[in-house]
Amino acid sequence: MGVGRGGVFLLIVVTGIFLALVLKLASRTAPTVRFETKPKGIGLSTLLKFEVRDAKHHVKTVRVEVLQDGKTYNVPLQEANLTAPQPAWWKFSSRKESHWAFTAQVGRRQIRELQQGRATLHVIAVNDSWGRFFRGGRRHISFDLPVRFAPPSIAVLTTQHYINQGGCDMVVFRVSPGTLESGVQVGGYFFPSWPVKESAPETRLAIFAYPYNVDPGTPARITARDDADNQSVSSFTYRVFPKKFHSDTINLTDEFMNRVVPPIMSQVSELDDQGGLLKNFLLINGHLREVEAQKLVAFSKKTASHFLWTQPFIELPSKVEASFADYRTYRYNGQIVDHQTHLGFDLAGLQHMPIQAANDGVVVYAGFLGIYGNAVILDHGCGLQTLYGHMSSIDAKPGETVKRGQVIGRSGETGLAGGDHLHFTVLIDGIPVNPTEWWDPHWIHDRIQAKLAQYQQG
């Protein structure tokens, strides 16, 4: 007796439903887990931050466990539901993504039985799907981590540190294995350290500054943080010499503002027209100056982990028109309208004079940079960079390696320039410092070269 067409069709439908059900039951579609920073170790109380997402299903359970010597310890979680409210079923809307944020503290303070050595951290997230035969889709992430309770050790190796306000110096120190980050903290400024040589990464150098606007009495300390988030602080011997900086008054004219403001406004699309020439100038001189200061800090992250230079920095033979940290008062029609600090040297010579690279380095930026006009930034390694502004033309490209004395452009009056000149700035981790120190061969020898020579041998 044969099977009719209706029976064949029914069989195909049933088979299709059966296969779809089997596939759904066997599905291993699981939530995703993303850490803000992947854990590198477990300390006294290490902070974990992570998010769990599932585009199709609800996140049912999330747990964190630590496994050591055959024992499992549960870690309490603080959770925040970031899922948008689910619309009523009768609106026939698609399911919204399930999204949770979790934080947890894990370490000796939370788990008293935890011992130094190693442990495995498990993060497990399960959704409410039919996957794994009604057990839900499961995401399991594990980390084999060192467990450290002692903070990093810091041994200061250099003994003499003399810093002029607005200037800098270098300290050499040694940290213990497992240290991830170390450097010098001066008030709100942090200056990271770098290996003195690749074969001995625990011996570090840090060029640090006392910025012009930091009280000389502000303490400087070496800080270190290890892979388990343990932190330590060390004092070291230094002396800061206060410095009084020059003050100047600039009388703004409509002629000057008409020349400099429109080009900058046209180049920087983020600036909104304030409805007046003076208002636009003040926007550029204040707000844009602050924005570019943050950009300089961002550029400092593109630095080599070793010095790219061996000789003192070149001082361009020219007339100094403005010095580092000159405090400027701006007047318009006899009224004070603004105050700003000039963080560099203005060097003038022949019109469109050739601009030489102050030292060996790599171009990290070449283009228009707001108040600096056409500008080039060179990286010299270990957070040390130089900026060349107001140029009429640029003869360098990002990523290009340049040699000391190589022509990288010509002077000009782009940006907020009152005439043809070069604006030259030395930067430590994006923070402007006094260039005169870096032009001085004796300062270079005493503060940098002599200290390095002692610890680069062997």
Protein backbone atom coordinates (compact mmCIF):
# COMPACT_ATOMS: atom_id res chain seq x y z
CA MET A 1 0.00 0.00 0.00
CA GLY A 2 1.69 3.27 -1.12
CA VAL A 3 1.96 6.57 0.70
CA GLY A 4 -0.03 9.43 -0.81
CA ARG A 5 1.31 12.85 -1.64
CA GLY A 6 -0.26 14.26 1.53
CA GLY A 7 1.54 11.68 3.61
CA VAL A 8 4.89 12.47 1.97
CA PHE A 9 4.41 16.16 2.60
CA LEU A 10 3.44 15.51 6.23
CA LEU A 11 6.50 13.31 6.66
CA ILE A 12 8.76 16.03 5.28
CA VAL A 13 7.20 18.61 7.59
CA VAL A 14 7.52 16.38 10.65
CA THR A 15 11.11 15.53 9.75
CA GLY A 16 11.92 19.23 9.31
CA ILE A 17 10.39 20.09 12.65
CA PHE A 18 12.26 17.23 14.30
CA LEU A 19 15.58 18.30 12.81
CA ALA A 20 14.99 21.95 13.78
CA LEU A 21 14.17 20.86 17.34
CA VAL A 22 17.28 18.69 17.52
CA LEU A 23 19.45 21.52 16.22
CA LYS A 24 17.92 23.93 18.72
CA LEU A 25 18.42 21.50 21.59
CA ALA A 26 21.99 20.81 20.53
CA SER A 27 22.81 24.49 19.98
CA ARG A 28 25.80 25.85 21.85
CA THR A 29 25.06 29.54 21.21
CA ALA A 30 26.26 31.23 24.38
CA PRO A 31 26.55 34.71 25.90
CA THR A 32 29.66 36.78 25.20
CA VAL A 33 31.91 37.95 28.04
CA ARG A 34 34.11 41.03 27.63
CA PHE A 35 36.55 42.24 30.30
CA GLU A 36 37.32 45.93 30.69
CA THR A 37 40.88 44.78 31.40
CA LYS A 38 41.77 41.11 31.32
CA PRO A 39 43.07 39.96 34.71
CA LYS A 40 46.81 39.31 34.87
CA GLY A 41 47.04 38.27 38.50
CA ILE A 42 45.26 37.98 41.85
CA GLY A 43 46.38 40.12 44.78
CA LEU A 44 45.05 41.24 48.12
CA SER A 45 41.92 42.65 46.46
CA THR A 46 41.98 42.69 42.67
CA LEU A 47 39.15 44.46 40.87
CA LEU A 48 37.36 42.62 38.06
CA LYS A 49 35.07 44.43 35.62
CA PHE A 50 33.31 42.66 32.80
CA GLU A 51 30.14 42.69 30.71
CA VAL A 52 27.94 39.80 29.60
CA ARG A 53 25.80 40.13 26.49
CA ASP A 54 23.38 37.87 24.62
CA ALA A 55 21.65 39.11 21.48
CA LYS A 56 18.96 36.38 21.37
CA HIS A 57 18.45 35.05 24.88
CA HIS A 58 18.22 36.15 28.48
CA VAL A 59 21.36 35.78 30.60
CA LYS A 60 20.23 33.40 33.33
CA THR A 61 23.26 32.93 35.59
CA VAL A 62 26.77 34.37 35.90
CA ARG A 63 29.30 33.20 38.44
CA VAL A 64 32.98 33.74 39.19
CA GLU A 65 35.08 31.06 40.90
CA VAL A 66 38.69 30.72 42.01
CA LEU A 67 40.22 27.24 41.97
CA GLN A 68 43.41 26.57 43.95
CA ASP A 69 44.83 23.27 45.23
CA GLY A 70 41.62 21.42 44.40
CA LYS A 71 39.40 23.86 46.30
CA THR A 72 36.81 26.09 44.65
CA TYR A 73 35.89 29.49 46.08
CA ASN A 74 32.85 31.48 44.91
CA VAL A 75 33.35 35.21 44.36
CA PRO A 76 30.41 37.55 45.17
CA LEU A 77 29.34 39.76 42.26
CA GLN A 78 27.85 43.22 42.03
CA GLU A 79 25.63 43.41 38.98
CA ALA A 80 23.84 46.04 36.93
CA ASN A 81 21.18 45.17 34.37
CA LEU A 82 21.82 47.28 31.27
CA THR A 83 19.05 45.63 29.24
CA ALA A 84 16.42 47.92 27.78
CA PRO A 85 12.87 47.27 29.09
CA GLN A 86 11.18 44.42 27.23
CA PRO A 87 8.14 45.61 25.22
CA ALA A 88 4.77 43.93 25.80
CA TRP A 89 4.37 40.61 23.99
CA TRP A 90 1.37 41.84 22.04
CA LYS A 91 3.50 44.49 20.27
CA PHE A 92 5.24 41.68 18.37
CA SER A 93 8.60 43.37 18.89
CA SER A 94 11.81 41.38 18.61
CA ARG A 95 13.61 40.48 21.80
CA LYS A 96 16.09 43.07 23.04
CA GLU A 97 19.70 42.19 23.77
CA SER A 98 20.41 40.98 27.30
CA HIS A 99 23.23 43.10 28.67
CA TRP A 100 24.73 42.99 32.18
CA ALA A 101 27.70 44.69 33.84
CA PHE A 102 29.53 42.97 36.70
CA THR A 103 32.21 44.00 39.18
CA ALA A 104 33.92 41.89 41.80
CA GLN A 105 36.83 42.07 44.21
CA VAL A 106 38.91 38.91 44.37
CA GLY A 107 41.93 38.26 46.56
CA ARG A 108 43.20 37.41 50.01
CA ARG A 109 40.87 39.91 51.68
CA GLN A 110 37.83 38.16 50.18
CA ILE A 111 39.18 34.57 50.31
CA ARG A 112 41.18 34.08 53.51
CA GLU A 113 42.32 30.58 52.52
CA LEU A 114 43.95 31.81 49.29
CA GLN A 115 47.72 31.24 49.17
CA GLN A 116 50.50 32.84 47.13
CA GLY A 117 51.46 30.87 44.05
CA ARG A 118 49.01 30.29 41.21
CA ALA A 119 45.25 29.88 40.88
CA THR A 120 42.66 29.55 38.14
CA LEU A 121 39.94 32.15 37.75
CA HIS A 122 36.72 30.89 36.13
CA VAL A 123 33.95 33.09 34.71
CA ILE A 124 30.82 31.18 33.65
CA ALA A 125 27.75 32.69 31.97
CA VAL A 126 24.61 30.70 31.00
CA ASN A 127 21.58 31.85 28.99
CA ASP A 128 17.99 30.53 29.00
CA SER A 129 18.06 28.99 25.53
CA TRP A 130 17.12 25.37 24.79
CA GLY A 131 20.76 24.72 23.96
CA ARG A 132 22.66 21.78 25.41
CA PHE A 133 19.29 20.02 25.79
CA PHE A 134 17.56 22.64 27.96
CA ARG A 135 20.65 23.43 30.05
CA GLY A 136 21.21 26.76 28.27
CA GLY A 137 24.08 28.11 26.21
CA ARG A 138 27.21 28.26 28.37
CA ARG A 139 30.27 30.50 28.10
CA HIS A 140 33.26 29.43 30.21
CA ILE A 141 36.40 31.60 30.38
CA SER A 142 39.35 30.69 32.56
CA PHE A 143 42.65 32.38 33.43
CA ASP A 144 45.69 30.72 34.99
CA LEU A 145 47.04 33.55 37.15
CA PRO A 146 49.84 34.32 39.60
CA VAL A 147 48.72 35.05 43.15
CA ARG A 148 50.77 37.77 44.86
CA PHE A 149 50.08 39.49 48.16
CA ALA A 150 53.28 41.52 48.59
CA PRO A 151 53.33 44.85 46.72
CA PRO A 152 56.14 45.48 44.21
CA SER A 153 59.51 46.45 45.66
CA ILE A 154 61.18 49.67 44.50
CA ALA A 155 64.94 50.28 44.84
CA VAL A 156 66.12 53.75 43.81
CA LEU A 157 69.53 53.56 42.09
CA THR A 158 70.35 57.19 41.23
CA THR A 159 71.16 59.59 44.05
CA GLN A 160 71.17 63.14 42.70
CA HIS A 161 68.04 64.73 41.25
CA TYR A 162 67.92 68.50 40.74
CA ILE A 163 64.89 69.89 38.96
CA ASN A 164 64.08 73.40 37.85
CA GLN A 165 60.41 74.30 37.96
CA GLY A 166 59.22 73.86 34.39
CA GLY A 167 62.11 71.48 33.75
CA CYS A 168 62.86 67.82 34.30
CA ASP A 169 65.33 65.17 35.43
CA MET A 170 65.71 61.40 35.21
CA VAL A 171 65.57 58.78 37.95
CA VAL A 172 66.73 55.16 37.61
CA PHE A 173 65.23 52.48 39.85
CA ARG A 174 64.66 48.73 40.05
CA VAL A 175 61.33 46.97 40.57
CA SER A 176 60.49 43.38 41.43
CA PRO A 177 59.37 40.80 38.81
CA GLY A 178 55.69 40.95 37.91
CA THR A 179 55.57 44.76 37.96
CA LEU A 180 53.33 45.96 35.12
CA GLU A 181 53.47 49.72 35.54
CA SER A 182 55.86 52.07 37.29
CA GLY A 183 56.90 55.69 37.08
CA VAL A 184 57.00 59.02 38.87
CA GLN A 185 53.90 60.77 40.19
CA VAL A 186 54.12 64.56 40.57
CA GLY A 187 50.79 65.92 41.75
CA GLY A 188 48.23 64.99 39.08
CA TYR A 189 50.92 64.12 36.51
CA PHE A 190 52.24 60.60 35.97
CA PHE A 191 55.47 59.98 34.05
CA PRO A 192 55.86 56.28 33.12
CA SER A 193 59.15 54.40 33.26
CA TRP A 194 60.99 52.47 30.55
CA PRO A 195 63.56 49.65 30.63
CA VAL A 196 67.16 50.84 30.77
CA LYS A 197 67.94 47.83 28.57
CA GLU A 198 65.72 45.11 27.13
CA SER A 199 67.70 42.27 28.76
CA ALA A 200 66.97 43.64 32.27
CA PRO A 201 63.39 44.96 32.24
CA GLU A 202 63.24 45.39 36.01
CA THR A 203 65.79 48.25 35.86
CA ARG A 204 63.80 51.30 34.81
CA LEU A 205 64.34 54.94 33.84
CA ALA A 206 61.76 57.68 34.13
CA ILE A 207 62.12 61.22 32.84
CA PHE A 208 59.85 63.30 35.04
CA ALA A 209 58.97 66.98 35.09
CA TYR A 210 57.82 69.64 37.50
CA PRO A 211 55.43 71.44 35.15
CA TYR A 212 55.48 75.24 35.23
CA ASN A 213 52.06 75.32 36.99
CA VAL A 214 52.90 72.80 39.74
CA ASP A 215 53.85 74.11 43.18
CA PRO A 216 57.55 73.27 43.78
CA GLY A 217 56.51 71.88 47.18
CA THR A 218 54.40 69.18 45.51
CA PRO A 219 55.89 65.77 46.41
CA ALA A 220 57.33 63.49 43.74
CA ARG A 221 57.11 59.77 44.38
CA ILE A 222 57.90 56.58 42.49
CA THR A 223 54.88 54.31 42.17
CA ALA A 224 54.61 50.71 41.00
CA ARG A 225 51.73 48.33 40.29
CA ASP A 226 52.08 44.59 39.68
CA ASP A 227 50.06 42.07 37.68
CA ALA A 228 47.90 41.36 40.74
CA ASP A 229 47.01 45.07 41.10
CA ASN A 230 49.12 45.44 44.25
CA GLN A 231 50.58 48.94 44.47
CA SER A 232 53.52 50.50 46.27
CA VAL A 233 54.99 53.99 46.67
CA SER A 234 58.58 55.04 47.31
CA SER A 235 60.16 58.38 48.12
CA PHE A 236 63.49 59.43 46.63
CA THR A 237 65.93 62.28 47.12
CA TYR A 238 65.47 65.36 44.95
CA ARG A 239 65.48 69.14 45.08
CA VAL A 240 63.23 71.49 43.14
CA PHE A 241 64.35 75.03 42.29
CA PRO A 242 61.41 77.46 41.97
CA LYS A 243 61.43 79.74 38.94
CA LYS A 244 59.66 83.00 38.20
CA PHE A 245 58.43 83.15 34.64
CA HIS A 246 58.16 86.19 32.39
CA SER A 247 54.90 88.08 31.85
CA ASP A 248 53.89 89.81 28.66
CA THR A 249 50.98 91.78 27.23
CA ILE A 250 49.62 91.25 23.71
CA ASN A 251 47.42 93.92 22.19
CA LEU A 252 44.94 92.28 19.85
CA THR A 253 44.01 94.04 16.63
CA ASP A 254 41.25 93.37 14.15
CA GLU A 255 43.91 93.05 11.46
CA PHE A 256 45.67 90.25 13.34
CA MET A 257 42.46 88.40 14.21
CA ASN A 258 41.13 88.72 10.67
CA ARG A 259 44.31 87.08 9.44
CA VAL A 260 44.52 84.14 11.88
CA VAL A 261 40.95 83.32 12.96
CA PRO A 262 39.18 82.40 9.67
CA PRO A 263 41.86 79.87 8.53
CA ILE A 264 41.76 78.07 11.89
CA MET A 265 37.95 78.05 11.98
CA SER A 266 37.88 76.58 8.46
CA GLN A 267 40.42 73.85 9.31
CA VAL A 268 38.90 72.78 12.65
CA SER A 269 35.37 71.58 11.92
CA GLU A 270 34.59 71.02 15.63
CA LEU A 271 34.61 74.76 16.30
CA ASP A 272 31.23 76.48 16.14
CA ASP A 273 31.09 80.09 14.98
CA GLN A 274 30.48 82.27 18.04
CA GLY A 275 29.06 85.12 15.99
CA GLY A 276 31.95 87.55 16.29
CA LEU A 277 35.65 87.87 15.48
CA LEU A 278 36.80 88.38 19.07
CA LYS A 279 34.55 85.61 20.39
CA ASN A 280 35.97 83.20 17.80
CA PHE A 281 39.52 84.22 18.75
CA LEU A 282 38.83 83.58 22.43
CA LEU A 283 37.33 80.18 21.56
CA ILE A 284 40.51 79.27 19.69
CA ASN A 285 42.90 80.74 22.25
CA GLY A 286 41.17 79.04 25.17
CA HIS A 287 39.05 76.00 24.34
CA LEU A 288 41.01 74.84 21.30
CA ARG A 289 44.28 75.29 23.19
CA GLU A 290 42.99 72.93 25.90
CA VAL A 291 41.80 70.39 23.33
CA GLU A 292 45.20 70.37 21.67
CA ALA A 293 46.94 69.95 25.03
CA GLN A 294 45.03 66.68 25.40
CA LYS A 295 46.01 65.70 21.86
CA LEU A 296 49.67 66.16 22.78
CA VAL A 297 49.22 63.74 25.66
CA ALA A 298 47.59 61.26 23.25
CA PHE A 299 50.48 61.64 20.78
CA SER A 300 52.91 60.83 23.61
CA LYS A 301 51.54 57.28 23.72
CA LYS A 302 53.11 56.74 20.29
CA THR A 303 56.62 56.61 21.72
CA ALA A 304 59.48 54.14 21.41
CA SER A 305 60.48 52.15 24.50
CA HIS A 306 64.10 53.29 24.14
CA PHE A 307 65.95 56.49 23.26
CA LEU A 308 66.27 57.11 19.52
CA TRP A 309 69.00 59.74 19.95
CA THR A 310 72.57 59.95 21.27
CA GLN A 311 73.54 63.65 20.93
CA PRO A 312 72.28 66.89 22.51
CA PHE A 313 69.34 68.60 20.84
CA ILE A 314 69.94 71.28 18.20
CA GLU A 315 69.05 74.87 19.03
CA LEU A 316 68.01 76.64 15.86
CA PRO A 317 70.24 79.72 15.34
CA SER A 318 67.65 82.49 15.53
CA LYS A 319 66.25 85.33 17.61
CA VAL A 320 64.14 84.39 20.63
CA GLU A 321 60.84 86.29 20.46
CA ALA A 322 59.06 84.48 23.28
CA SER A 323 60.23 82.04 25.96
CA PHE A 324 58.84 79.06 27.83
CA ALA A 325 55.95 79.68 30.24
CA ASP A 326 55.55 83.36 29.39
CA TYR A 327 52.31 84.46 31.03
CA ARG A 328 50.38 86.45 28.46
CA THR A 329 47.67 89.03 29.07
CA TYR A 330 45.54 89.76 25.99
CA ARG A 331 44.05 93.23 25.56
CA TYR A 332 41.52 94.41 23.00
CA ASN A 333 40.54 98.07 22.75
CA GLY A 334 42.23 98.66 26.10
CA GLN A 335 40.29 95.91 27.90
CA ILE A 336 41.75 92.65 29.26
CA VAL A 337 39.99 89.81 27.43
CA ASP A 338 42.10 86.71 28.12
CA HIS A 339 45.10 85.14 29.89
CA GLN A 340 47.13 82.22 28.54
CA THR A 341 50.58 80.69 29.05
CA HIS A 342 52.98 80.28 26.12
CA LEU A 343 54.51 76.81 26.46
CA GLY A 344 57.47 76.88 24.11
CA PHE A 345 60.02 79.09 22.40
CA ASP A 346 59.24 81.38 19.47
CA LEU A 347 62.33 81.46 17.24
CA ALA A 348 62.54 83.92 14.35
CA GLY A 349 65.09 84.30 11.57
CA LEU A 350 64.84 84.62 7.83
CA GLN A 351 61.40 84.35 6.28
CA HIS A 352 60.58 80.71 5.47
CA MET A 353 63.85 79.62 7.09
CA PRO A 354 64.56 75.85 6.99
CA ILE A 355 63.53 73.98 10.15
CA GLN A 356 65.88 71.26 11.33
CA ALA A 357 64.92 68.22 13.38
CA ALA A 358 66.33 68.85 16.85
CA ASN A 359 67.43 65.22 17.12
CA ASP A 360 67.02 61.73 15.67
CA GLY A 361 63.44 60.52 15.87
CA VAL A 362 60.27 59.34 14.18
CA VAL A 363 57.46 61.57 12.89
CA VAL A 364 54.27 60.89 14.86
CA TYR A 365 52.29 63.80 13.41
CA ALA A 366 52.60 66.09 10.40
CA GLY A 367 49.69 68.36 9.48
CA PHE A 368 47.49 71.20 10.67
CA LEU A 369 47.22 71.44 14.47
CA GLY A 370 44.97 74.37 15.39
CA ILE A 371 46.84 77.13 17.23
CA TYR A 372 50.17 75.64 16.05
CA GLY A 373 49.14 75.81 12.39
CA ASN A 374 51.15 73.46 10.18
CA ALA A 375 53.06 71.36 12.68
CA VAL A 376 55.34 68.35 13.04
CA ILE A 377 55.78 66.23 16.17
CA LEU A 378 58.87 64.01 16.46
CA ASP A 379 59.20 61.14 18.91
CA HIS A 380 62.65 60.61 20.44
CA GLY A 381 61.71 57.66 22.67
CA CYS A 382 60.74 57.10 26.33
CA GLY A 383 58.02 59.78 26.20
CA LEU A 384 60.35 62.53 24.92
CA GLN A 385 58.96 64.43 21.91
CA THR A 386 59.46 67.78 20.14
CA LEU A 387 56.86 69.97 18.42
CA TYR A 388 57.51 72.39 15.54
CA GLY A 389 54.67 74.83 14.81
CA HIS A 390 53.55 77.70 12.54
CA MET A 391 55.37 76.25 9.53
CA SER A 392 54.65 77.46 6.02
CA SER A 393 55.42 74.03 4.57
CA ILE A 394 56.07 70.52 5.88
CA ASP A 395 58.71 68.16 4.48
CA ALA A 396 58.05 65.11 6.67
CA LYS A 397 55.48 62.31 6.77
CA PRO A 398 54.01 60.35 9.71
CA GLY A 399 56.07 57.23 10.38
CA GLU A 400 59.17 58.64 8.70
CA THR A 401 62.52 58.28 10.50
CA VAL A 402 64.46 61.56 10.53
CA LYS A 403 68.03 62.39 11.45
CA ARG A 404 69.34 65.18 13.67
CA GLY A 405 69.62 68.31 11.54
CA GLN A 406 67.38 67.03 8.74
CA VAL A 407 65.11 69.73 7.27
CA ILE A 408 61.48 68.86 8.08
CA GLY A 409 59.83 72.07 6.84
CA ARG A 410 60.06 75.84 6.73
CA SER A 411 59.00 78.54 9.16
CA GLY A 412 55.81 80.48 8.58
CA GLU A 413 52.88 82.23 10.23
CA THR A 414 50.15 79.58 10.22
CA GLY A 415 47.98 79.10 13.30
CA LEU A 416 48.09 81.81 15.99
CA ALA A 417 51.32 83.36 14.74
CA GLY A 418 51.93 87.09 14.74
CA GLY A 419 54.66 86.77 12.11
CA ASP A 420 57.00 84.31 10.40
CA HIS A 421 58.73 82.18 13.05
CA LEU A 422 59.03 78.68 14.53
CA HIS A 423 57.22 77.66 17.69
CA PHE A 424 59.38 74.97 19.34
CA THR A 425 58.27 72.85 22.29
CA VAL A 426 59.85 69.93 24.14
CA LEU A 427 57.32 67.49 25.59
CA ILE A 428 57.66 64.85 28.32
CA ASP A 429 54.71 62.46 28.04
CA GLY A 430 52.79 65.25 26.32
CA ILE A 431 53.61 67.85 29.02
CA PRO A 432 55.58 70.91 27.80
CA VAL A 433 58.94 71.50 29.51
CA ASN A 434 61.69 74.09 29.15
CA PRO A 435 63.66 73.40 25.94
CA THR A 436 66.83 75.16 27.17
CA GLU A 437 67.81 72.12 29.24
CA TRP A 438 67.75 69.86 26.19
CA TRP A 439 69.89 72.32 24.22
CA ASP A 440 72.62 72.14 26.91
CA PRO A 441 75.25 69.37 26.34
CA HIS A 442 76.34 69.52 30.00
CA TRP A 443 72.77 69.08 31.23
CA ILE A 444 72.28 66.15 28.83
CA HIS A 445 75.46 64.50 30.12
CA ASP A 446 74.78 64.99 33.83
CA ARG A 447 71.04 64.27 33.86
CA ILE A 448 70.81 61.54 31.21
CA GLN A 449 73.98 60.08 29.71
CA ALA A 450 76.10 59.66 32.85
CA LYS A 451 73.25 57.99 34.72
CA LEU A 452 72.47 55.58 31.89
CA ALA A 453 76.11 54.63 31.33
CA GLN A 454 76.29 53.24 34.85
CA TYR A 455 73.38 50.85 34.41
CA GLN A 456 73.54 49.93 30.71
CA GLN A 457 76.77 47.99 31.17
CA GLY A 458 76.82 44.28 31.86
